[in-house]
Amino acid sequence: MQSFLARGCGDSEDHAVLLCNLLIGYGLDCYVCVGTNGEGSHAWVMQRQMIASPSGVKTKPKVIFWESLTGQKMDVDDPRVHRFYR
């Protein structure tokens, strides 16, 4: 990580690890995902967030994908997710 930050550039895996560590530092449940996008191998961050029902009981996790190179986030139900990430 030190050389990645010192150089000021890196690939999607470097960015994904840095973003995931930052989000974990804020107490979020995050994981680095490795796969492909339209341009070849790629890495992004998946965040799981427990959603509470109206009665206050935690029911199922909500999944959000964070694009490692731009910081954009997409809900798992967003149609762009299946087009960009495999």
PDB file of N, CA and C in Angstrom:
ATOM      1  N   MET A   1       0.808  -1.200   0.000  1.00  0.00           N
ATOM      2  CA  MET A   1       0.000   0.000   0.000  1.00  0.00           C
ATOM      3  C   MET A   1       0.855   1.270   0.000  1.00  0.00           C
ATOM      4  N   GLN A   2       1.974   1.248   0.711  1.00  0.00           N
ATOM      5  CA  GLN A   2       2.797   2.467   0.779  1.00  0.00           C
ATOM      6  C   GLN A   2       3.280   2.892  -0.602  1.00  0.00           C
ATOM      7  N   SER A   3       3.752   1.941  -1.411  1.00  0.00           N
ATOM      8  CA  SER A   3       4.254   2.312  -2.737  1.00  0.00           C
ATOM      9  C   SER A   3       3.116   2.757  -3.642  1.00  0.00           C
ATOM     10  N   PHE A   4       1.956   2.140  -3.509  1.00  0.00           N
ATOM     11  CA  PHE A   4       0.778   2.534  -4.286  1.00  0.00           C
ATOM     12  C   PHE A   4       0.396   3.978  -3.967  1.00  0.00           C
ATOM     13  N   LEU A   5       0.379   4.341  -2.712  1.00  0.00           N
ATOM     14  CA  LEU A   5       0.030   5.704  -2.314  1.00  0.00           C
ATOM     15  C   LEU A   5       1.126   6.698  -2.680  1.00  0.00           C
ATOM     16  N   ALA A   6       2.380   6.292  -2.528  1.00  0.00           N
ATOM     17  CA  ALA A   6       3.492   7.192  -2.855  1.00  0.00           C
ATOM     18  C   ALA A   6       3.552   7.492  -4.350  1.00  0.00           C
ATOM     19  N   ARG A   7       3.294   6.476  -5.178  1.00  0.00           N
ATOM     20  CA  ARG A   7       3.302   6.682  -6.632  1.00  0.00           C
ATOM     21  C   ARG A   7       2.084   7.450  -7.111  1.00  0.00           C
ATOM     22  N   GLY A   8       0.994   7.319  -6.385  1.00  0.00           N
ATOM     23  CA  GLY A   8      -0.237   8.003  -6.780  1.00  0.00           C
ATOM     24  C   GLY A   8      -0.969   7.318  -7.914  1.00  0.00           C
ATOM     25  N   CYS A   9      -0.670   6.038  -8.146  1.00  0.00           N
ATOM     26  CA  CYS A   9      -1.384   5.294  -9.181  1.00  0.00           C
ATOM     27  C   CYS A   9      -1.356   3.814  -8.832  1.00  0.00           C
ATOM     28  N   GLY A  10      -2.337   3.112  -9.353  1.00  0.00           N
ATOM     29  CA  GLY A  10      -2.419   1.680  -9.121  1.00  0.00           C
ATOM     30  C   GLY A  10      -3.561   1.097  -9.922  1.00  0.00           C
ATOM     31  N   ASP A  11      -3.642  -0.238  -9.942  1.00  0.00           N
ATOM     32  CA  ASP A  11      -4.706  -0.883 -10.695  1.00  0.00           C
ATOM     33  C   ASP A  11      -5.956  -1.029  -9.820  1.00  0.00           C
ATOM     34  N   SER A  12      -6.965  -1.663 -10.370  1.00  0.00           N
ATOM     35  CA  SER A  12      -8.246  -1.757  -9.651  1.00  0.00           C
ATOM     36  C   SER A  12      -8.101  -2.549  -8.359  1.00  0.00           C
ATOM     37  N   GLU A  13      -7.199  -3.535  -8.332  1.00  0.00           N
ATOM     38  CA  GLU A  13      -7.005  -4.312  -7.111  1.00  0.00           C
ATOM     39  C   GLU A  13      -6.428  -3.439  -5.990  1.00  0.00           C
ATOM     40  N   ASP A  14      -5.465  -2.598  -6.315  1.00  0.00           N
ATOM     41  CA  ASP A  14      -4.894  -1.683  -5.316  1.00  0.00           C
ATOM     42  C   ASP A  14      -5.963  -0.747  -4.761  1.00  0.00           C
ATOM     43  N   HIS A  15      -6.753  -0.176  -5.644  1.00  0.00           N
ATOM     44  CA  HIS A  15      -7.819   0.739  -5.228  1.00  0.00           C
ATOM     45  C   HIS A  15      -8.874   0.016  -4.395  1.00  0.00           C
ATOM     46  N   ALA A  16      -9.215  -1.222  -4.780  1.00  0.00           N
ATOM     47  CA  ALA A  16     -10.234  -1.978  -4.049  1.00  0.00           C
ATOM     48  C   ALA A  16      -9.767  -2.295  -2.631  1.00  0.00           C
ATOM     49  N   VAL A  17      -8.516  -2.703  -2.473  1.00  0.00           N
ATOM     50  CA  VAL A  17      -7.992  -3.003  -1.140  1.00  0.00           C
ATOM     51  C   VAL A  17      -7.983  -1.741  -0.276  1.00  0.00           C
ATOM     52  N   LEU A  18      -7.558  -0.627  -0.830  1.00  0.00           N
ATOM     53  CA  LEU A  18      -7.539   0.626  -0.085  1.00  0.00           C
ATOM     54  C   LEU A  18      -8.954   1.057   0.322  1.00  0.00           C
ATOM     55  N   LEU A  19      -9.899   1.011  -0.627  1.00  0.00           N
ATOM     56  CA  LEU A  19     -11.277   1.396  -0.330  1.00  0.00           C
ATOM     57  C   LEU A  19     -11.896   0.466   0.701  1.00  0.00           C
ATOM     58  N   CYS A  20     -11.672  -0.831   0.557  1.00  0.00           N
ATOM     59  CA  CYS A  20     -12.224  -1.798   1.511  1.00  0.00           C
ATOM     60  C   CYS A  20     -11.672  -1.550   2.911  1.00  0.00           C
ATOM     61  N   ASN A  21     -10.376  -1.320   3.021  1.00  0.00           N
ATOM     62  CA  ASN A  21      -9.785  -1.030   4.335  1.00  0.00           C
ATOM     63  C   ASN A  21     -10.346   0.247   4.943  1.00  0.00           C
ATOM     64  N   LEU A  22     -10.573   1.250   4.124  1.00  0.00           N
ATOM     65  CA  LEU A  22     -11.151   2.505   4.608  1.00  0.00           C
ATOM     66  C   LEU A  22     -12.565   2.271   5.145  1.00  0.00           C
ATOM     67  N   LEU A  23     -13.379   1.536   4.385  1.00  0.00           N
ATOM     68  CA  LEU A  23     -14.756   1.270   4.810  1.00  0.00           C
ATOM     69  C   LEU A  23     -14.803   0.381   6.052  1.00  0.00           C
ATOM     70  N   ILE A  24     -13.911  -0.602   6.137  1.00  0.00           N
ATOM     71  CA  ILE A  24     -13.834  -1.438   7.341  1.00  0.00           C
ATOM     72  C   ILE A  24     -13.442  -0.582   8.540  1.00  0.00           C
ATOM     73  N   GLY A  25     -12.556   0.379   8.320  1.00  0.00           N
ATOM     74  CA  GLY A  25     -12.157   1.286   9.391  1.00  0.00           C
ATOM     75  C   GLY A  25     -13.326   2.089   9.948  1.00  0.00           C
ATOM     76  N   TYR A  26     -14.334   2.319   9.115  1.00  0.00           N
ATOM     77  CA  TYR A  26     -15.548   3.006   9.567  1.00  0.00           C
ATOM     78  C   TYR A  26     -16.567   2.037  10.149  1.00  0.00           C
ATOM     79  N   GLY A  27     -16.195   0.774  10.276  1.00  0.00           N
ATOM     80  CA  GLY A  27     -17.068  -0.209  10.914  1.00  0.00           C
ATOM     81  C   GLY A  27     -18.050  -0.886   9.977  1.00  0.00           C
ATOM     82  N   LEU A  28     -17.841  -0.781   8.666  1.00  0.00           N
ATOM     83  CA  LEU A  28     -18.749  -1.414   7.709  1.00  0.00           C
ATOM     84  C   LEU A  28     -18.279  -2.826   7.387  1.00  0.00           C
ATOM     85  N   ASP A  29     -19.208  -3.692   7.022  1.00  0.00           N
ATOM     86  CA  ASP A  29     -18.932  -5.083   6.665  1.00  0.00           C
ATOM     87  C   ASP A  29     -18.633  -5.141   5.172  1.00  0.00           C
ATOM     88  N   CYS A  30     -17.346  -5.137   4.783  1.00  0.00           N
ATOM     89  CA  CYS A  30     -16.946  -5.028   3.377  1.00  0.00           C
ATOM     90  C   CYS A  30     -15.970  -6.122   2.981  1.00  0.00           C
ATOM     91  N   TYR A  31     -15.982  -6.443   1.685  1.00  0.00           N
ATOM     92  CA  TYR A  31     -15.133  -7.478   1.120  1.00  0.00           C
ATOM     93  C   TYR A  31     -14.647  -7.041  -0.255  1.00  0.00           C
ATOM     94  N   VAL A  32     -13.437  -7.459  -0.630  1.00  0.00           N
ATOM     95  CA  VAL A  32     -12.924  -7.203  -1.970  1.00  0.00           C
ATOM     96  C   VAL A  32     -13.408  -8.332  -2.878  1.00  0.00           C
ATOM     97  N   CYS A  33     -13.981  -7.971  -4.013  1.00  0.00           N
ATOM     98  CA  CYS A  33     -14.448  -8.932  -5.015  1.00  0.00           C
ATOM     99  C   CYS A  33     -13.511  -8.872  -6.216  1.00  0.00           C
ATOM    100  N   VAL A  34     -13.141 -10.035  -6.725  1.00  0.00           N
ATOM    101  CA  VAL A  34     -12.264 -10.112  -7.884  1.00  0.00           C
ATOM    102  C   VAL A  34     -12.994 -10.854  -8.985  1.00  0.00           C
ATOM    103  N   GLY A  35     -13.000 -10.270 -10.170  1.00  0.00           N
ATOM    104  CA  GLY A  35     -13.669 -10.882 -11.306  1.00  0.00           C
ATOM    105  C   GLY A  35     -13.281 -10.167 -12.576  1.00  0.00           C
ATOM    106  N   THR A  36     -14.248  -9.951 -13.446  1.00  0.00           N
ATOM    107  CA  THR A  36     -13.982  -9.253 -14.698  1.00  0.00           C
ATOM    108  C   THR A  36     -15.047  -8.198 -14.931  1.00  0.00           C
ATOM    109  N   ASN A  37     -14.682  -7.240 -15.775  1.00  0.00           N
ATOM    110  CA  ASN A  37     -15.653  -6.282 -16.290  1.00  0.00           C
ATOM    111  C   ASN A  37     -15.481  -6.289 -17.806  1.00  0.00           C
ATOM    112  N   GLY A  38     -16.018  -5.333 -18.508  1.00  0.00           N
ATOM    113  CA  GLY A  38     -15.921  -5.299 -19.955  1.00  0.00           C
ATOM    114  C   GLY A  38     -14.513  -5.171 -20.491  1.00  0.00           C
ATOM    115  N   GLU A  39     -13.568  -4.741 -19.658  1.00  0.00           N
ATOM    116  CA  GLU A  39     -12.192  -4.504 -20.103  1.00  0.00           C
ATOM    117  C   GLU A  39     -11.208  -5.584 -19.653  1.00  0.00           C
ATOM    118  N   GLY A  40     -11.658  -6.583 -18.907  1.00  0.00           N
ATOM    119  CA  GLY A  40     -10.770  -7.643 -18.426  1.00  0.00           C
ATOM    120  C   GLY A  40     -10.864  -7.809 -16.928  1.00  0.00           C
ATOM    121  N   SER A  41      -9.762  -8.260 -16.311  1.00  0.00           N
ATOM    122  CA  SER A  41      -9.788  -8.499 -14.866  1.00  0.00           C
ATOM    123  C   SER A  41     -10.035  -7.196 -14.119  1.00  0.00           C
ATOM    124  N   HIS A  42     -10.763  -7.317 -13.007  1.00  0.00           N
ATOM    125  CA  HIS A  42     -11.180  -6.127 -12.272  1.00  0.00           C
ATOM    126  C   HIS A  42     -11.461  -6.503 -10.827  1.00  0.00           C
ATOM    127  N   ALA A  43     -11.383  -5.536  -9.926  1.00  0.00           N
ATOM    128  CA  ALA A  43     -11.716  -5.728  -8.517  1.00  0.00           C
ATOM    129  C   ALA A  43     -12.616  -4.590  -8.064  1.00  0.00           C
ATOM    130  N   TRP A  44     -13.538  -4.900  -7.167  1.00  0.00           N
ATOM    131  CA  TRP A  44     -14.449  -3.913  -6.609  1.00  0.00           C
ATOM    132  C   TRP A  44     -14.750  -4.316  -5.178  1.00  0.00           C
ATOM    133  N   VAL A  45     -15.519  -3.526  -4.461  1.00  0.00           N
ATOM    134  CA  VAL A  45     -15.812  -3.779  -3.052  1.00  0.00           C
ATOM    135  C   VAL A  45     -17.303  -4.056  -2.884  1.00  0.00           C
ATOM    136  N   MET A  46     -17.600  -5.095  -2.102  1.00  0.00           N
ATOM    137  CA  MET A  46     -18.982  -5.419  -1.757  1.00  0.00           C
ATOM    138  C   MET A  46     -19.197  -5.065  -0.286  1.00  0.00           C
ATOM    139  N   GLN A  47     -20.282  -4.356  -0.013  1.00  0.00           N
ATOM    140  CA  GLN A  47     -20.645  -3.995   1.363  1.00  0.00           C
ATOM    141  C   GLN A  47     -21.959  -4.674   1.705  1.00  0.00           C
ATOM    142  N   ARG A  48     -21.994  -5.343   2.852  1.00  0.00           N
ATOM    143  CA  ARG A  48     -23.241  -5.919   3.350  1.00  0.00           C
ATOM    144  C   ARG A  48     -23.742  -5.056   4.495  1.00  0.00           C
ATOM    145  N   GLN A  49     -25.045  -4.787   4.487  1.00  0.00           N
ATOM    146  CA  GLN A  49     -25.642  -3.944   5.519  1.00  0.00           C
ATOM    147  C   GLN A  49     -26.944  -4.606   5.947  1.00  0.00           C
ATOM    148  N   MET A  50     -27.072  -4.890   7.230  1.00  0.00           N
ATOM    149  CA  MET A  50     -28.291  -5.535   7.718  1.00  0.00           C
ATOM    150  C   MET A  50     -29.437  -4.529   7.753  1.00  0.00           C
ATOM    151  N   ILE A  51     -30.564  -4.924   7.193  1.00  0.00           N
ATOM    152  CA  ILE A  51     -31.757  -4.080   7.151  1.00  0.00           C
ATOM    153  C   ILE A  51     -32.725  -4.552   8.240  1.00  0.00           C
ATOM    154  N   ALA A  52     -33.181  -3.628   9.043  1.00  0.00           N
ATOM    155  CA  ALA A  52     -34.111  -3.965  10.120  1.00  0.00           C
ATOM    156  C   ALA A  52     -35.544  -3.852   9.620  1.00  0.00           C
ATOM    157  N   SER A  53     -36.377  -4.771  10.066  1.00  0.00           N
ATOM    158  CA  SER A  53     -37.797  -4.706   9.740  1.00  0.00           C
ATOM    159  C   SER A  53     -38.446  -3.642  10.617  1.00  0.00           C
ATOM    160  N   PRO A  54     -39.695  -3.260  10.328  1.00  0.00           N
ATOM    161  CA  PRO A  54     -40.364  -2.246  11.161  1.00  0.00           C
ATOM    162  C   PRO A  54     -40.412  -2.617  12.638  1.00  0.00           C
ATOM    163  N   SER A  55     -40.397  -3.920  12.951  1.00  0.00           N
ATOM    164  CA  SER A  55     -40.439  -4.331  14.359  1.00  0.00           C
ATOM    165  C   SER A  55     -39.070  -4.236  15.019  1.00  0.00           C
ATOM    166  N   GLY A  56     -38.018  -3.896  14.225  1.00  0.00           N
ATOM    167  CA  GLY A  56     -36.687  -3.724  14.782  1.00  0.00           C
ATOM    168  C   GLY A  56     -35.812  -4.963  14.686  1.00  0.00           C
ATOM    169  N   VAL A  57     -36.348  -6.060  14.141  1.00  0.00           N
ATOM    170  CA  VAL A  57     -35.587  -7.295  14.007  1.00  0.00           C
ATOM    171  C   VAL A  57     -34.786  -7.243  12.703  1.00  0.00           C
ATOM    172  N   LYS A  58     -33.493  -7.595  12.772  1.00  0.00           N
ATOM    173  CA  LYS A  58     -32.673  -7.618  11.557  1.00  0.00           C
ATOM    174  C   LYS A  58     -33.137  -8.772  10.681  1.00  0.00           C
ATOM    175  N   THR A  59     -33.391  -8.478   9.422  1.00  0.00           N
ATOM    176  CA  THR A  59     -33.933  -9.499   8.537  1.00  0.00           C
ATOM    177  C   THR A  59     -32.906 -10.001   7.536  1.00  0.00           C
ATOM    178  N   LYS A  60     -32.640  -9.267   6.490  1.00  0.00           N
ATOM    179  CA  LYS A  60     -31.714  -9.738   5.463  1.00  0.00           C
ATOM    180  C   LYS A  60     -30.710  -8.641   5.132  1.00  0.00           C
ATOM    181  N   PRO A  61     -29.552  -9.056   4.621  1.00  0.00           N
ATOM    182  CA  PRO A  61     -28.552  -8.033   4.294  1.00  0.00           C
ATOM    183  C   PRO A  61     -28.868  -7.318   2.986  1.00  0.00           C
ATOM    184  N   LYS A  62     -28.574  -6.043   2.952  1.00  0.00           N
ATOM    185  CA  LYS A  62     -28.635  -5.259   1.724  1.00  0.00           C
ATOM    186  C   LYS A  62     -27.211  -5.246   1.182  1.00  0.00           C
ATOM    187  N   VAL A  63     -27.058  -5.480  -0.110  1.00  0.00           N
ATOM    188  CA  VAL A  63     -25.730  -5.559  -0.708  1.00  0.00           C
ATOM    189  C   VAL A  63     -25.508  -4.348  -1.609  1.00  0.00           C
ATOM    190  N   ILE A  64     -24.368  -3.699  -1.422  1.00  0.00           N
ATOM    191  CA  ILE A  64     -23.975  -2.545  -2.221  1.00  0.00           C
ATOM    192  C   ILE A  64     -22.600  -2.830  -2.814  1.00  0.00           C
ATOM    193  N   PHE A  65     -22.425  -2.529  -4.091  1.00  0.00           N
ATOM    194  CA  PHE A  65     -21.131  -2.661  -4.745  1.00  0.00           C
ATOM    195  C   PHE A  65     -20.515  -1.280  -4.915  1.00  0.00           C
ATOM    196  N   TRP A  66     -19.253  -1.140  -4.551  1.00  0.00           N
ATOM    197  CA  TRP A  66     -18.493   0.093  -4.696  1.00  0.00           C
ATOM    198  C   TRP A  66     -17.500  -0.088  -5.827  1.00  0.00           C
ATOM    199  N   GLU A  67     -17.528   0.776  -6.823  1.00  0.00           N
ATOM    200  CA  GLU A  67     -16.546   0.747  -7.906  1.00  0.00           C
ATOM    201  C   GLU A  67     -15.229   1.274  -7.356  1.00  0.00           C
ATOM    202  N   SER A  68     -14.191   0.469  -7.434  1.00  0.00           N
ATOM    203  CA  SER A  68     -12.927   0.814  -6.774  1.00  0.00           C
ATOM    204  C   SER A  68     -12.195   1.987  -7.422  1.00  0.00           C
ATOM    205  N   LEU A  69     -12.358   2.185  -8.712  1.00  0.00           N
ATOM    206  CA  LEU A  69     -11.617   3.252  -9.391  1.00  0.00           C
ATOM    207  C   LEU A  69     -12.294   4.612  -9.312  1.00  0.00           C
ATOM    208  N   THR A  70     -13.626   4.627  -9.148  1.00  0.00           N
ATOM    209  CA  THR A  70     -14.351   5.900  -9.148  1.00  0.00           C
ATOM    210  C   THR A  70     -15.031   6.215  -7.816  1.00  0.00           C
ATOM    211  N   GLY A  71     -15.237   5.206  -6.965  1.00  0.00           N
ATOM    212  CA  GLY A  71     -15.927   5.416  -5.697  1.00  0.00           C
ATOM    213  C   GLY A  71     -17.442   5.417  -5.821  1.00  0.00           C
ATOM    214  N   GLN A  72     -17.969   5.174  -7.021  1.00  0.00           N
ATOM    215  CA  GLN A  72     -19.427   5.119  -7.194  1.00  0.00           C
ATOM    216  C   GLN A  72     -19.961   3.865  -6.520  1.00  0.00           C
ATOM    217  N   LYS A  73     -21.179   3.955  -6.000  1.00  0.00           N
ATOM    218  CA  LYS A  73     -21.786   2.766  -5.411  1.00  0.00           C
ATOM    219  C   LYS A  73     -23.084   2.438  -6.119  1.00  0.00           C
ATOM    220  N   MET A  74     -23.367   1.137  -6.206  1.00  0.00           N
ATOM    221  CA  MET A  74     -24.566   0.645  -6.871  1.00  0.00           C
ATOM    222  C   MET A  74     -25.221  -0.411  -5.997  1.00  0.00           C
ATOM    223  N   ASP A  75     -26.523  -0.349  -5.907  1.00  0.00           N
ATOM    224  CA  ASP A  75     -27.285  -1.358  -5.200  1.00  0.00           C
ATOM    225  C   ASP A  75     -27.240  -2.658  -5.999  1.00  0.00           C
ATOM    226  N   VAL A  76     -27.334  -3.779  -5.336  1.00  0.00           N
ATOM    227  CA  VAL A  76     -27.261  -5.068  -6.017  1.00  0.00           C
ATOM    228  C   VAL A  76     -28.374  -5.231  -7.052  1.00  0.00           C
ATOM    229  N   ASP A  77     -29.504  -4.536  -6.883  1.00  0.00           N
ATOM    230  CA  ASP A  77     -30.618  -4.629  -7.825  1.00  0.00           C
ATOM    231  C   ASP A  77     -30.454  -3.716  -9.039  1.00  0.00           C
ATOM    232  N   ASP A  78     -29.428  -2.884  -9.045  1.00  0.00           N
ATOM    233  CA  ASP A  78     -29.182  -1.989 -10.172  1.00  0.00           C
ATOM    234  C   ASP A  78     -28.813  -2.831 -11.400  1.00  0.00           C
ATOM    235  N   PRO A  79     -29.456  -2.615 -12.539  1.00  0.00           N
ATOM    236  CA  PRO A  79     -29.155  -3.423 -13.727  1.00  0.00           C
ATOM    237  C   PRO A  79     -27.716  -3.277 -14.223  1.00  0.00           C
ATOM    238  N   ARG A  80     -27.048  -2.187 -13.887  1.00  0.00           N
ATOM    239  CA  ARG A  80     -25.659  -1.999 -14.310  1.00  0.00           C
ATOM    240  C   ARG A  80     -24.712  -2.994 -13.647  1.00  0.00           C
ATOM    241  N   VAL A  81     -25.070  -3.496 -12.472  1.00  0.00           N
ATOM    242  CA  VAL A  81     -24.194  -4.411 -11.734  1.00  0.00           C
ATOM    243  C   VAL A  81     -23.888  -5.641 -12.571  1.00  0.00           C
ATOM    244  N   HIS A  82     -24.917  -6.254 -13.133  1.00  0.00           N
ATOM    245  CA  HIS A  82     -24.727  -7.497 -13.889  1.00  0.00           C
ATOM    246  C   HIS A  82     -24.067  -7.240 -15.243  1.00  0.00           C
ATOM    247  N   ARG A  83     -24.134  -6.017 -15.713  1.00  0.00           N
ATOM    248  CA  ARG A  83     -23.485  -5.690 -16.975  1.00  0.00           C
ATOM    249  C   ARG A  83     -21.998  -5.410 -16.765  1.00  0.00           C
ATOM    250  N   PHE A  84     -21.623  -4.796 -15.622  1.00  0.00           N
ATOM    251  CA  PHE A  84     -20.239  -4.419 -15.383  1.00  0.00           C
ATOM    252  C   PHE A  84     -19.411  -5.487 -14.692  1.00  0.00           C
ATOM    253  N   TYR A  85     -20.012  -6.217 -13.738  1.00  0.00           N
ATOM    254  CA  TYR A  85     -19.244  -7.134 -12.905  1.00  0.00           C
ATOM    255  C   TYR A  85     -19.643  -8.584 -13.185  1.00  0.00           C
ATOM    256  N   ARG A  86     -18.619  -9.407 -13.365  1.00  0.00           N
ATOM    257  CA  ARG A  86     -18.847 -10.854 -13.552  1.00  0.00           C
ATOM    258  C   ARG A  86     -17.883 -11.608 -12.664  1.00  0.00           C
TER     259      ARG A  86
END
